[in-house]
Amino acid sequence: MARPRHIDPTIVRRAMKIAATATSLETLRECQSILLPAQHNATLSQTASALGVSRATVARLQARFRKGIDSFPSGERNWGGRRRANLTLKQERIFLQPWLEQAVAGAMVVVSPIRAALSQKLDRPVKALSSTGS
């Protein structure tokens, strides 16, 4: 059996007040992530379905609201991104420029020389992608 849910009434009042004057979708969603479970006894799944987000996002919205953090202060979310990138975007553009010029000129661009050059630039082997696409 799931543990009983406890939602602080002061947070609910604050969510109602902010929702009434919300100017962005994310702020409204944060408020709704608090209000739906509190006022309508909705589960995380039901709340997620109503808001059009995942269950994990509902939990993030609730946590962000409780902490009083602005929706996305920098205009970006804090998950996703280029976590496995070997080079910055600028470095990639510079690195790929010679092959881009070849492609624009109509020449066939082959991956193996690019991979070899990248291995040399990074000073370590770069794994080849499988041909199955997985």
Protein backbone atom coordinates (compact mmCIF):
# COMPACT_ATOMS: atom_id res chain seq x y z
CA MET A 1 0.00 0.00 0.00
CA ALA A 2 1.32 3.44 -0.90
CA ARG A 3 2.12 5.87 1.84
CA PRO A 4 -0.54 8.52 2.44
CA ARG A 5 0.04 11.78 0.65
CA HIS A 6 0.54 14.91 2.73
CA ILE A 7 0.33 18.25 0.95
CA ASP A 8 1.05 21.31 3.04
CA PRO A 9 -1.98 23.67 2.97
CA THR A 10 0.31 26.73 2.75
CA ILE A 11 1.84 25.34 -0.45
CA VAL A 12 -1.65 24.75 -1.85
CA ARG A 13 -2.68 28.34 -1.06
CA ARG A 14 0.52 29.63 -2.64
CA ALA A 15 -0.10 27.49 -5.75
CA MET A 16 -3.65 28.83 -6.06
CA LYS A 17 -2.43 32.42 -5.77
CA ILE A 18 0.37 31.98 -8.31
CA ALA A 19 -1.84 30.01 -10.74
CA ALA A 20 -4.34 32.88 -10.80
CA THR A 21 -1.68 35.26 -12.10
CA ALA A 22 0.59 32.85 -14.01
CA THR A 23 2.01 34.31 -17.20
CA SER A 24 3.85 31.25 -18.49
CA LEU A 25 2.83 27.69 -19.23
CA GLU A 26 5.59 26.24 -17.03
CA THR A 27 4.52 28.31 -14.01
CA LEU A 28 0.92 27.18 -14.50
CA ARG A 29 2.01 23.55 -14.83
CA GLU A 30 4.01 23.81 -11.61
CA CYS A 31 0.93 25.10 -9.81
CA GLN A 32 -1.31 22.46 -11.36
CA SER A 33 1.15 19.72 -10.35
CA ILE A 34 0.43 20.75 -6.75
CA LEU A 35 -3.27 21.58 -7.07
CA LEU A 36 -4.52 18.49 -8.91
CA PRO A 37 -3.32 16.02 -6.26
CA ALA A 38 -4.30 18.34 -3.39
CA GLN A 39 -7.77 19.33 -4.54
CA HIS A 40 -8.84 16.38 -6.68
CA ASN A 41 -6.86 13.59 -5.01
CA ALA A 42 -5.16 12.80 -8.35
CA THR A 43 -2.28 10.34 -8.49
CA LEU A 44 1.03 11.17 -10.17
CA SER A 45 -0.09 9.27 -13.28
CA GLN A 46 -3.43 11.07 -13.41
CA THR A 47 -1.73 14.43 -12.89
CA ALA A 48 0.81 13.64 -15.60
CA SER A 49 -1.94 12.68 -18.00
CA ALA A 50 -3.89 15.87 -17.29
CA LEU A 51 -0.81 18.05 -17.76
CA GLY A 52 0.46 16.19 -20.81
CA VAL A 53 3.82 15.33 -19.23
CA SER A 54 5.48 12.26 -17.74
CA ARG A 55 5.21 11.15 -14.10
CA ALA A 56 8.85 12.10 -13.55
CA THR A 57 8.16 15.60 -14.85
CA VAL A 58 5.26 15.99 -12.40
CA ALA A 59 7.61 15.15 -9.53
CA ARG A 60 10.17 17.65 -10.88
CA LEU A 61 7.51 20.35 -11.23
CA GLN A 62 6.32 19.76 -7.66
CA ALA A 63 9.86 19.85 -6.28
CA ARG A 64 10.70 23.02 -8.20
CA PHE A 65 7.52 24.69 -6.92
CA ARG A 66 8.23 23.69 -3.32
CA LYS A 67 11.76 25.05 -3.54
CA GLY A 68 10.50 28.28 -5.07
CA ILE A 69 12.79 28.05 -8.08
CA ASP A 70 11.82 30.02 -11.19
CA SER A 71 10.55 27.70 -13.91
CA PHE A 72 13.60 27.74 -16.16
CA PRO A 73 15.72 30.71 -15.11
CA SER A 74 18.14 30.45 -18.02
CA GLY A 75 15.37 29.58 -20.45
CA GLU A 76 16.61 26.01 -20.67
CA ARG A 77 15.92 22.79 -18.83
CA ASN A 78 18.66 21.21 -16.79
CA TRP A 79 18.49 17.76 -18.31
CA GLY A 80 19.46 16.56 -21.76
CA GLY A 81 22.18 18.18 -23.77
CA ARG A 82 25.53 17.11 -25.14
CA ARG A 83 26.79 15.05 -22.22
CA ARG A 84 28.83 12.67 -24.38
CA ALA A 85 30.30 15.20 -26.77
CA ASN A 86 34.00 14.92 -27.49
CA LEU A 87 34.27 18.46 -28.85
CA THR A 88 32.36 21.69 -28.41
CA LEU A 89 30.05 22.74 -31.24
CA LYS A 90 32.57 25.33 -32.39
CA GLN A 91 35.38 22.76 -32.38
CA GLU A 92 33.19 20.33 -34.32
CA ARG A 93 32.42 22.93 -36.97
CA ILE A 94 36.10 23.73 -37.40
CA PHE A 95 37.03 20.04 -37.46
CA LEU A 96 34.38 19.11 -40.05
CA GLN A 97 34.93 22.16 -42.32
CA PRO A 98 37.23 20.39 -44.85
CA TRP A 99 34.72 17.57 -45.34
CA LEU A 100 31.85 20.03 -45.61
CA GLU A 101 33.69 21.81 -48.41
CA GLN A 102 34.14 18.47 -50.20
CA ALA A 103 30.45 17.64 -49.80
CA VAL A 104 29.37 21.06 -51.09
CA ALA A 105 31.65 20.55 -54.10
CA GLY A 106 29.78 17.30 -54.83
CA ALA A 107 32.47 14.88 -53.71
CA MET A 108 31.59 11.71 -51.83
CA VAL A 109 32.39 12.00 -48.12
CA VAL A 110 33.58 8.77 -46.50
CA VAL A 111 33.29 8.31 -42.74
CA SER A 112 36.43 6.26 -42.08
CA PRO A 113 38.90 9.12 -42.81
CA ILE A 114 36.83 11.44 -40.62
CA ARG A 115 36.91 8.91 -37.80
CA ALA A 116 40.66 8.43 -38.21
CA ALA A 117 41.22 12.20 -38.10
CA LEU A 118 39.01 12.48 -35.02
CA SER A 119 40.96 9.69 -33.30
CA GLN A 120 44.16 11.58 -34.04
CA LYS A 121 42.72 14.88 -32.81
CA LEU A 122 41.41 13.32 -29.57
CA ASP A 123 44.57 11.22 -29.19
CA ARG A 124 42.53 8.11 -28.49
CA PRO A 125 40.61 5.54 -30.52
CA VAL A 126 37.10 6.39 -31.67
CA LYS A 127 34.73 3.43 -31.90
CA ALA A 128 33.14 2.81 -35.27
CA LEU A 129 29.36 2.86 -35.41
CA SER A 130 27.71 -0.46 -36.11
CA SER A 131 26.13 -0.93 -39.52
CA THR A 132 22.90 -2.21 -37.93
CA GLY A 133 22.03 1.26 -36.62
CA SER A 134 21.59 0.11 -33.03
